[in-house]
């Protein structure tokens, strides 16, 4: 059975890449936008979000980002509070102009970015469920790991650029928040027991009892493991880590993050 796609993902895809939706999905989004004010506010949020990202990207001379990627390969990206990049005028972020029901549920905590051309990360508080949603825009290597030292959390960023963090119990100075974004350097899919060297890391997948284990030995910071139900983050303790699976999946996908 195909995994159900959440409406917010469909809305963002409708904004960014409408041909990427099936006819049925596009019709669903159009009905949602017609009938639901909160859905229209979410659409406006994504429109403004991507417009802002484009304004950041235009600051980078053509070819510089590609040269930096070749020169430094994949690197962790240091993030801090993004400065305003939108020109003055009537256009503002949709999060500031959303209808009251949406604004009451979601609150923009901080926008993070690094050097010109780096991805933009927005952290939104979802008051209804007590979590923080992260939206990563402009990162081509997905999935990835978002590490936020002040929150003592490292979470998986999925293939749609989304992540979820737990809301902290103590007060946080959001304006001073910093984070690290770890893009994946290399990916491999294991359809059965085997081993491989990935970005200098020895990866070994084996079946153990009724379950399975993925072992890692090497200099990376994180590994991402997906056994279809979802992504999990394994942080390297020194030079080794392992992911234990309670059953034997048909295939296991592994990404190494420096």
C-alpha atoms as a PDB file:
ATOM      1  CA  UNK A   1       0.000   0.000   0.000  1.00  0.00           C
ATOM      2  CA  UNK A   2       1.387   3.424  -0.953  1.00  0.00           C
ATOM      3  CA  UNK A   3       2.292   5.704   1.938  1.00  0.00           C
ATOM      4  CA  UNK A   4      -0.178   8.565   2.380  1.00  0.00           C
ATOM      5  CA  UNK A   5       1.386  11.949   1.684  1.00  0.00           C
ATOM      6  CA  UNK A   6       0.600  14.707   4.183  1.00  0.00           C
ATOM      7  CA  UNK A   7      -1.387  17.693   2.845  1.00  0.00           C
ATOM      8  CA  UNK A   8       1.374  20.201   3.671  1.00  0.00           C
ATOM      9  CA  UNK A   9       3.819  18.241   1.482  1.00  0.00           C
ATOM     10  CA  UNK A  10       1.308  18.216  -1.359  1.00  0.00           C
ATOM     11  CA  UNK A  11       0.729  21.962  -0.961  1.00  0.00           C
ATOM     12  CA  UNK A  12       4.459  22.737  -1.057  1.00  0.00           C
ATOM     13  CA  UNK A  13       4.928  20.481  -4.097  1.00  0.00           C
ATOM     14  CA  UNK A  14       1.990  22.274  -5.739  1.00  0.00           C
ATOM     15  CA  UNK A  15       3.830  25.562  -5.177  1.00  0.00           C
ATOM     16  CA  UNK A  16       7.328  24.395  -6.150  1.00  0.00           C
ATOM     17  CA  UNK A  17       6.795  21.660  -8.728  1.00  0.00           C
ATOM     18  CA  UNK A  18       3.176  21.231  -9.773  1.00  0.00           C
ATOM     19  CA  UNK A  19       4.022  18.669 -12.530  1.00  0.00           C
ATOM     20  CA  UNK A  20       5.432  16.471  -9.769  1.00  0.00           C
ATOM     21  CA  UNK A  21       1.897  15.766  -8.512  1.00  0.00           C
ATOM     22  CA  UNK A  22      -0.428  13.205  -9.970  1.00  0.00           C
ATOM     23  CA  UNK A  23      -3.700  14.481 -11.426  1.00  0.00           C
ATOM     24  CA  UNK A  24      -5.501  13.111  -8.367  1.00  0.00           C
ATOM     25  CA  UNK A  25      -3.108  14.843  -5.952  1.00  0.00           C
ATOM     26  CA  UNK A  26      -3.342  18.156  -7.822  1.00  0.00           C
ATOM     27  CA  UNK A  27      -7.143  17.992  -7.764  1.00  0.00           C
ATOM     28  CA  UNK A  28      -7.047  17.262  -4.023  1.00  0.00           C
ATOM     29  CA  UNK A  29      -4.834  20.291  -3.357  1.00  0.00           C
ATOM     30  CA  UNK A  30      -7.035  22.558  -5.474  1.00  0.00           C
ATOM     31  CA  UNK A  31     -10.124  21.465  -3.525  1.00  0.00           C
ATOM     32  CA  UNK A  32      -8.243  22.024  -0.278  1.00  0.00           C
ATOM     33  CA  UNK A  33      -7.159  25.521  -1.329  1.00  0.00           C
ATOM     34  CA  UNK A  34     -10.692  26.347  -2.414  1.00  0.00           C
ATOM     35  CA  UNK A  35     -12.383  25.181   0.791  1.00  0.00           C
ATOM     36  CA  UNK A  36      -9.845  25.613   3.621  1.00  0.00           C
ATOM     37  CA  UNK A  37      -8.491  29.058   4.684  1.00  0.00           C
ATOM     38  CA  UNK A  38      -5.666  27.411   6.665  1.00  0.00           C
ATOM     39  CA  UNK A  39      -4.548  25.553   3.529  1.00  0.00           C
ATOM     40  CA  UNK A  40      -4.481  28.821   1.578  1.00  0.00           C
ATOM     41  CA  UNK A  41      -2.406  30.409   4.354  1.00  0.00           C
ATOM     42  CA  UNK A  42       0.023  27.488   4.174  1.00  0.00           C
ATOM     43  CA  UNK A  43       0.260  27.945   0.400  1.00  0.00           C
ATOM     44  CA  UNK A  44       1.018  31.646   0.873  1.00  0.00           C
ATOM     45  CA  UNK A  45       3.675  30.752   3.428  1.00  0.00           C
ATOM     46  CA  UNK A  46       5.454  28.455   0.961  1.00  0.00           C
ATOM     47  CA  UNK A  47       5.189  31.007  -1.860  1.00  0.00           C
ATOM     48  CA  UNK A  48       6.828  33.707   0.301  1.00  0.00           C
ATOM     49  CA  UNK A  49       9.361  31.238   1.683  1.00  0.00           C
ATOM     50  CA  UNK A  50      10.615  30.238  -1.778  1.00  0.00           C
ATOM     51  CA  UNK A  51      10.602  33.832  -2.979  1.00  0.00           C
ATOM     52  CA  UNK A  52      12.879  34.723  -0.058  1.00  0.00           C
ATOM     53  CA  UNK A  53      15.150  31.775  -0.829  1.00  0.00           C
ATOM     54  CA  UNK A  54      15.459  32.925  -4.434  1.00  0.00           C
ATOM     55  CA  UNK A  55      16.450  36.408  -3.257  1.00  0.00           C
ATOM     56  CA  UNK A  56      19.230  34.845  -1.153  1.00  0.00           C
ATOM     57  CA  UNK A  57      20.401  32.668  -4.040  1.00  0.00           C
ATOM     58  CA  UNK A  58      20.642  35.652  -6.382  1.00  0.00           C
ATOM     59  CA  UNK A  59      23.349  37.119  -4.144  1.00  0.00           C
ATOM     60  CA  UNK A  60      25.736  34.298  -5.154  1.00  0.00           C
ATOM     61  CA  UNK A  61      27.624  34.841  -8.453  1.00  0.00           C
ATOM     62  CA  UNK A  62      26.928  32.122 -11.010  1.00  0.00           C
ATOM     63  CA  UNK A  63      29.264  29.176 -10.592  1.00  0.00           C
ATOM     64  CA  UNK A  64      30.500  30.068  -7.091  1.00  0.00           C
ATOM     65  CA  UNK A  65      28.291  27.542  -5.303  1.00  0.00           C
ATOM     66  CA  UNK A  66      29.325  24.768  -7.717  1.00  0.00           C
ATOM     67  CA  UNK A  67      33.005  25.644  -7.295  1.00  0.00           C
ATOM     68  CA  UNK A  68      32.689  25.603  -3.496  1.00  0.00           C
ATOM     69  CA  UNK A  69      30.994  22.206  -3.638  1.00  0.00           C
ATOM     70  CA  UNK A  70      33.843  20.775  -5.701  1.00  0.00           C
ATOM     71  CA  UNK A  71      36.492  22.411  -3.537  1.00  0.00           C
ATOM     72  CA  UNK A  72      35.172  21.437  -0.125  1.00  0.00           C
ATOM     73  CA  UNK A  73      33.069  18.380  -1.060  1.00  0.00           C
ATOM     74  CA  UNK A  74      30.240  17.836   1.393  1.00  0.00           C
ATOM     75  CA  UNK A  75      30.629  19.715   4.650  1.00  0.00           C
ATOM     76  CA  UNK A  76      28.530  20.407   7.724  1.00  0.00           C
ATOM     77  CA  UNK A  77      26.852  23.789   7.278  1.00  0.00           C
ATOM     78  CA  UNK A  78      26.973  26.168  10.253  1.00  0.00           C
ATOM     79  CA  UNK A  79      23.700  28.064  10.707  1.00  0.00           C
ATOM     80  CA  UNK A  80      22.752  31.110  12.738  1.00  0.00           C
ATOM     81  CA  UNK A  81      19.900  33.607  12.691  1.00  0.00           C
ATOM     82  CA  UNK A  82      19.308  34.777   9.142  1.00  0.00           C
ATOM     83  CA  UNK A  83      19.256  38.495   8.483  1.00  0.00           C
ATOM     84  CA  UNK A  84      16.416  39.960   6.467  1.00  0.00           C
ATOM     85  CA  UNK A  85      16.994  39.530   2.742  1.00  0.00           C
ATOM     86  CA  UNK A  86      13.618  40.592   1.343  1.00  0.00           C
ATOM     87  CA  UNK A  87      13.559  44.080  -0.184  1.00  0.00           C
ATOM     88  CA  UNK A  88      11.279  46.614   1.550  1.00  0.00           C
ATOM     89  CA  UNK A  89       7.735  46.589   0.204  1.00  0.00           C
ATOM     90  CA  UNK A  90       4.287  45.172   0.743  1.00  0.00           C
ATOM     91  CA  UNK A  91       5.346  41.507   0.511  1.00  0.00           C
ATOM     92  CA  UNK A  92       5.849  39.898   3.929  1.00  0.00           C
ATOM     93  CA  UNK A  93       6.153  36.338   5.130  1.00  0.00           C
ATOM     94  CA  UNK A  94       2.875  34.466   5.148  1.00  0.00           C
ATOM     95  CA  UNK A  95       3.552  33.440   8.740  1.00  0.00           C
ATOM     96  CA  UNK A  96       3.067  37.096   9.690  1.00  0.00           C
ATOM     97  CA  UNK A  97      -0.222  37.469   7.831  1.00  0.00           C
ATOM     98  CA  UNK A  98      -1.890  34.098   8.327  1.00  0.00           C
ATOM     99  CA  UNK A  99      -5.502  33.921   9.520  1.00  0.00           C
ATOM    100  CA  UNK A 100      -5.867  33.792  13.282  1.00  0.00           C
ATOM    101  CA  UNK A 101      -6.568  30.012  13.534  1.00  0.00           C
ATOM    102  CA  UNK A 102      -3.283  29.162  11.806  1.00  0.00           C
ATOM    103  CA  UNK A 103      -1.272  31.847  13.597  1.00  0.00           C
ATOM    104  CA  UNK A 104      -2.600  30.590  16.943  1.00  0.00           C
ATOM    105  CA  UNK A 105      -1.268  27.102  16.238  1.00  0.00           C
ATOM    106  CA  UNK A 106       2.059  27.852  14.495  1.00  0.00           C
ATOM    107  CA  UNK A 107       4.632  30.396  15.605  1.00  0.00           C
ATOM    108  CA  UNK A 108       7.805  31.210  13.686  1.00  0.00           C
ATOM    109  CA  UNK A 109      10.644  30.865  16.212  1.00  0.00           C
ATOM    110  CA  UNK A 110      13.662  31.685  14.070  1.00  0.00           C
ATOM    111  CA  UNK A 111      15.027  31.526  10.524  1.00  0.00           C
ATOM    112  CA  UNK A 112      18.567  30.151  10.233  1.00  0.00           C
ATOM    113  CA  UNK A 113      21.067  30.351   7.414  1.00  0.00           C
ATOM    114  CA  UNK A 114      24.806  30.415   6.789  1.00  0.00           C
ATOM    115  CA  UNK A 115      26.835  31.974   4.019  1.00  0.00           C
ATOM    116  CA  UNK A 116      25.161  33.308   0.867  1.00  0.00           C
ATOM    117  CA  UNK A 117      23.913  30.352  -1.120  1.00  0.00           C
ATOM    118  CA  UNK A 118      23.572  28.077   1.917  1.00  0.00           C
ATOM    119  CA  UNK A 119      20.200  26.513   2.759  1.00  0.00           C
ATOM    120  CA  UNK A 120      17.606  28.318   4.845  1.00  0.00           C
ATOM    121  CA  UNK A 121      16.088  26.557   7.862  1.00  0.00           C
ATOM    122  CA  UNK A 122      12.909  27.769   9.542  1.00  0.00           C
ATOM    123  CA  UNK A 123      11.801  26.538  12.955  1.00  0.00           C
ATOM    124  CA  UNK A 124       8.066  26.759  13.627  1.00  0.00           C
ATOM    125  CA  UNK A 125       6.442  25.876  16.936  1.00  0.00           C
ATOM    126  CA  UNK A 126       3.342  23.708  16.683  1.00  0.00           C
ATOM    127  CA  UNK A 127       1.501  24.511  19.897  1.00  0.00           C
ATOM    128  CA  UNK A 128      -1.154  21.834  19.386  1.00  0.00           C
ATOM    129  CA  UNK A 129       1.250  18.883  19.510  1.00  0.00           C
ATOM    130  CA  UNK A 130       4.114  20.425  21.489  1.00  0.00           C
ATOM    131  CA  UNK A 131       6.791  20.010  18.816  1.00  0.00           C
ATOM    132  CA  UNK A 132       8.983  22.222  16.661  1.00  0.00           C
ATOM    133  CA  UNK A 133       8.833  21.721  12.922  1.00  0.00           C
ATOM    134  CA  UNK A 134      11.922  22.461  10.861  1.00  0.00           C
ATOM    135  CA  UNK A 135      11.688  23.245   7.158  1.00  0.00           C
ATOM    136  CA  UNK A 136      14.958  23.060   5.205  1.00  0.00           C
ATOM    137  CA  UNK A 137      14.954  24.818   1.845  1.00  0.00           C
ATOM    138  CA  UNK A 138      17.781  24.900  -0.665  1.00  0.00           C
ATOM    139  CA  UNK A 139      19.653  21.734   0.352  1.00  0.00           C
ATOM    140  CA  UNK A 140      20.084  19.421  -2.621  1.00  0.00           C
ATOM    141  CA  UNK A 141      21.543  16.493  -0.664  1.00  0.00           C
ATOM    142  CA  UNK A 142      18.597  15.026   1.203  1.00  0.00           C
ATOM    143  CA  UNK A 143      18.030  13.401   3.582  1.00  0.00           C
ATOM    144  CA  UNK A 144      20.352  15.041   6.101  1.00  0.00           C
ATOM    145  CA  UNK A 145      20.856  15.570   9.841  1.00  0.00           C
ATOM    146  CA  UNK A 146      19.991  18.804  11.658  1.00  0.00           C
ATOM    147  CA  UNK A 147      21.922  19.196  14.908  1.00  0.00           C
ATOM    148  CA  UNK A 148      20.869  21.893  17.411  1.00  0.00           C
ATOM    149  CA  UNK A 149      23.317  21.933  20.361  1.00  0.00           C
ATOM    150  CA  UNK A 150      21.224  24.283  22.528  1.00  0.00           C
ATOM    151  CA  UNK A 151      18.295  21.842  22.309  1.00  0.00           C
ATOM    152  CA  UNK A 152      20.592  18.806  22.684  1.00  0.00           C
ATOM    153  CA  UNK A 153      18.915  17.230  19.665  1.00  0.00           C
ATOM    154  CA  UNK A 154      20.037  15.805  16.328  1.00  0.00           C
ATOM    155  CA  UNK A 155      17.162  14.850  14.028  1.00  0.00           C
ATOM    156  CA  UNK A 156      16.703  13.440  10.550  1.00  0.00           C
ATOM    157  CA  UNK A 157      15.683  15.808   7.753  1.00  0.00           C
ATOM    158  CA  UNK A 158      13.555  13.767   5.359  1.00  0.00           C
ATOM    159  CA  UNK A 159      13.524  13.800   1.561  1.00  0.00           C
ATOM    160  CA  UNK A 160      11.017  16.673   1.633  1.00  0.00           C
ATOM    161  CA  UNK A 161      13.291  18.881   3.754  1.00  0.00           C
ATOM    162  CA  UNK A 162      11.269  18.439   6.945  1.00  0.00           C
ATOM    163  CA  UNK A 163      12.316  17.544  10.470  1.00  0.00           C
ATOM    164  CA  UNK A 164      10.644  17.478  13.864  1.00  0.00           C
ATOM    165  CA  UNK A 165      12.217  18.451  17.184  1.00  0.00           C
ATOM    166  CA  UNK A 166      10.884  18.171  20.696  1.00  0.00           C
ATOM    167  CA  UNK A 167       9.965  21.446  22.356  1.00  0.00           C
ATOM    168  CA  UNK A 168      12.505  22.265  25.104  1.00  0.00           C
ATOM    169  CA  UNK A 169      11.395  22.414  28.726  1.00  0.00           C
ATOM    170  CA  UNK A 170      13.599  25.399  29.515  1.00  0.00           C
ATOM    171  CA  UNK A 171      13.574  28.857  27.940  1.00  0.00           C
ATOM    172  CA  UNK A 172      15.625  29.260  24.751  1.00  0.00           C
ATOM    173  CA  UNK A 173      17.108  32.420  23.285  1.00  0.00           C
ATOM    174  CA  UNK A 174      15.896  31.765  19.744  1.00  0.00           C
ATOM    175  CA  UNK A 175      17.626  34.869  18.371  1.00  0.00           C
ATOM    176  CA  UNK A 176      20.968  33.412  19.478  1.00  0.00           C
ATOM    177  CA  UNK A 177      20.310  29.832  18.349  1.00  0.00           C
ATOM    178  CA  UNK A 178      22.909  28.086  16.188  1.00  0.00           C
ATOM    179  CA  UNK A 179      22.714  24.751  14.405  1.00  0.00           C
ATOM    180  CA  UNK A 180      24.655  22.426  12.116  1.00  0.00           C
ATOM    181  CA  UNK A 181      23.219  20.876   8.976  1.00  0.00           C
ATOM    182  CA  UNK A 182      24.953  17.645   7.918  1.00  0.00           C
ATOM    183  CA  UNK A 183      24.225  16.776   4.270  1.00  0.00           C
ATOM    184  CA  UNK A 184      24.611  13.157   3.240  1.00  0.00           C
ATOM    185  CA  UNK A 185      27.920  12.473   1.471  1.00  0.00           C
ATOM    186  CA  UNK A 186      27.129   8.989   0.154  1.00  0.00           C
ATOM    187  CA  UNK A 187      24.167   6.624  -0.070  1.00  0.00           C
ATOM    188  CA  UNK A 188      23.817   2.874  -0.478  1.00  0.00           C
ATOM    189  CA  UNK A 189      20.932   0.419  -0.361  1.00  0.00           C
ATOM    190  CA  UNK A 190      21.393  -3.064   1.083  1.00  0.00           C
ATOM    191  CA  UNK A 191      18.923  -5.726  -0.060  1.00  0.00           C
ATOM    192  CA  UNK A 192      20.629  -8.380   2.033  1.00  0.00           C
ATOM    193  CA  UNK A 193      23.644  -8.882   4.324  1.00  0.00           C
ATOM    194  CA  UNK A 194      26.766  -7.192   3.043  1.00  0.00           C
ATOM    195  CA  UNK A 195      29.414  -4.579   3.682  1.00  0.00           C
ATOM    196  CA  UNK A 196      30.768  -1.514   1.921  1.00  0.00           C
ATOM    197  CA  UNK A 197      33.083   1.453   2.457  1.00  0.00           C
ATOM    198  CA  UNK A 198      31.084   4.688   2.283  1.00  0.00           C
ATOM    199  CA  UNK A 199      32.917   8.025   2.456  1.00  0.00           C
ATOM    200  CA  UNK A 200      35.688   6.381   4.459  1.00  0.00           C
ATOM    201  CA  UNK A 201      33.277   4.559   6.798  1.00  0.00           C
ATOM    202  CA  UNK A 202      33.057   0.767   6.986  1.00  0.00           C
ATOM    203  CA  UNK A 203      29.361  -0.176   6.878  1.00  0.00           C
ATOM    204  CA  UNK A 204      28.264  -3.730   7.624  1.00  0.00           C
ATOM    205  CA  UNK A 205      24.660  -4.969   7.416  1.00  0.00           C
ATOM    206  CA  UNK A 206      23.837  -8.353   8.955  1.00  0.00           C
ATOM    207  CA  UNK A 207      20.883 -10.423  10.121  1.00  0.00           C
ATOM    208  CA  UNK A 208      20.852 -11.302  13.805  1.00  0.00           C
ATOM    209  CA  UNK A 209      18.170 -13.599  15.186  1.00  0.00           C
ATOM    210  CA  UNK A 210      14.781 -12.321  14.083  1.00  0.00           C
ATOM    211  CA  UNK A 211      16.161  -8.824  13.464  1.00  0.00           C
ATOM    212  CA  UNK A 212      19.014  -7.045  11.734  1.00  0.00           C
ATOM    213  CA  UNK A 213      21.901  -4.719  12.582  1.00  0.00           C
ATOM    214  CA  UNK A 214      23.828  -2.056  10.716  1.00  0.00           C
ATOM    215  CA  UNK A 215      27.313  -1.358  12.080  1.00  0.00           C
ATOM    216  CA  UNK A 216      29.490   1.642  11.290  1.00  0.00           C
ATOM    217  CA  UNK A 217      33.201   2.237  11.867  1.00  0.00           C
ATOM    218  CA  UNK A 218      34.852   5.402  10.618  1.00  0.00           C
ATOM    219  CA  UNK A 219      35.348   9.146  10.908  1.00  0.00           C
ATOM    220  CA  UNK A 220      31.842  10.444  10.081  1.00  0.00           C
ATOM    221  CA  UNK A 221      29.572  12.391  12.452  1.00  0.00           C
ATOM    222  CA  UNK A 222      26.245  10.684  11.750  1.00  0.00           C
ATOM    223  CA  UNK A 223      24.648   7.856   9.839  1.00  0.00           C
ATOM    224  CA  UNK A 224      21.069   7.832   8.611  1.00  0.00           C
ATOM    225  CA  UNK A 225      19.252   4.522   8.342  1.00  0.00           C
ATOM    226  CA  UNK A 226      15.890   3.888   6.683  1.00  0.00           C
ATOM    227  CA  UNK A 227      14.068   0.569   6.785  1.00  0.00           C
ATOM    228  CA  UNK A 228      10.950   2.018   5.032  1.00  0.00           C
ATOM    229  CA  UNK A 229       8.873   3.012   8.109  1.00  0.00           C
ATOM    230  CA  UNK A 230      11.080   6.050   8.660  1.00  0.00           C
ATOM    231  CA  UNK A 231      14.514   7.596   9.082  1.00  0.00           C
ATOM    232  CA  UNK A 232      16.601   7.211  12.191  1.00  0.00           C
ATOM    233  CA  UNK A 233      19.786   9.024  13.187  1.00  0.00           C
ATOM    234  CA  UNK A 234      22.795   7.180  14.582  1.00  0.00           C
ATOM    235  CA  UNK A 235      25.444   9.428  16.111  1.00  0.00           C
ATOM    236  CA  UNK A 236      28.970   8.073  16.037  1.00  0.00           C
ATOM    237  CA  UNK A 237      30.398   7.548  19.523  1.00  0.00           C
ATOM    238  CA  UNK A 238      34.052   8.086  18.745  1.00  0.00           C
ATOM    239  CA  UNK A 239      34.452   6.076  15.554  1.00  0.00           C
ATOM    240  CA  UNK A 240      31.692   3.465  15.831  1.00  0.00           C
ATOM    241  CA  UNK A 241      27.914   3.235  15.882  1.00  0.00           C
ATOM    242  CA  UNK A 242      25.191   0.660  15.273  1.00  0.00           C
ATOM    243  CA  UNK A 243      21.512   0.571  14.422  1.00  0.00           C
ATOM    244  CA  UNK A 244      19.483  -2.406  15.643  1.00  0.00           C
ATOM    245  CA  UNK A 245      16.310  -3.280  13.749  1.00  0.00           C
ATOM    246  CA  UNK A 246      13.610  -5.344  15.433  1.00  0.00           C
ATOM    247  CA  UNK A 247      12.793  -7.228  12.223  1.00  0.00           C
ATOM    248  CA  UNK A 248      14.334  -8.007   8.849  1.00  0.00           C
ATOM    249  CA  UNK A 249      13.282  -5.385   6.323  1.00  0.00           C
ATOM    250  CA  UNK A 250      13.228  -6.103   2.597  1.00  0.00           C
ATOM    251  CA  UNK A 251      15.917  -3.435   2.113  1.00  0.00           C
ATOM    252  CA  UNK A 252      17.865  -0.970   4.220  1.00  0.00           C
ATOM    253  CA  UNK A 253      19.053   2.425   2.976  1.00  0.00           C
ATOM    254  CA  UNK A 254      22.105   4.050   4.553  1.00  0.00           C
ATOM    255  CA  UNK A 255      23.457   7.595   4.241  1.00  0.00           C
ATOM    256  CA  UNK A 256      26.750   8.803   5.747  1.00  0.00           C
ATOM    257  CA  UNK A 257      26.975  12.401   6.975  1.00  0.00           C
ATOM    258  CA  UNK A 258      30.417  13.945   7.628  1.00  0.00           C
END
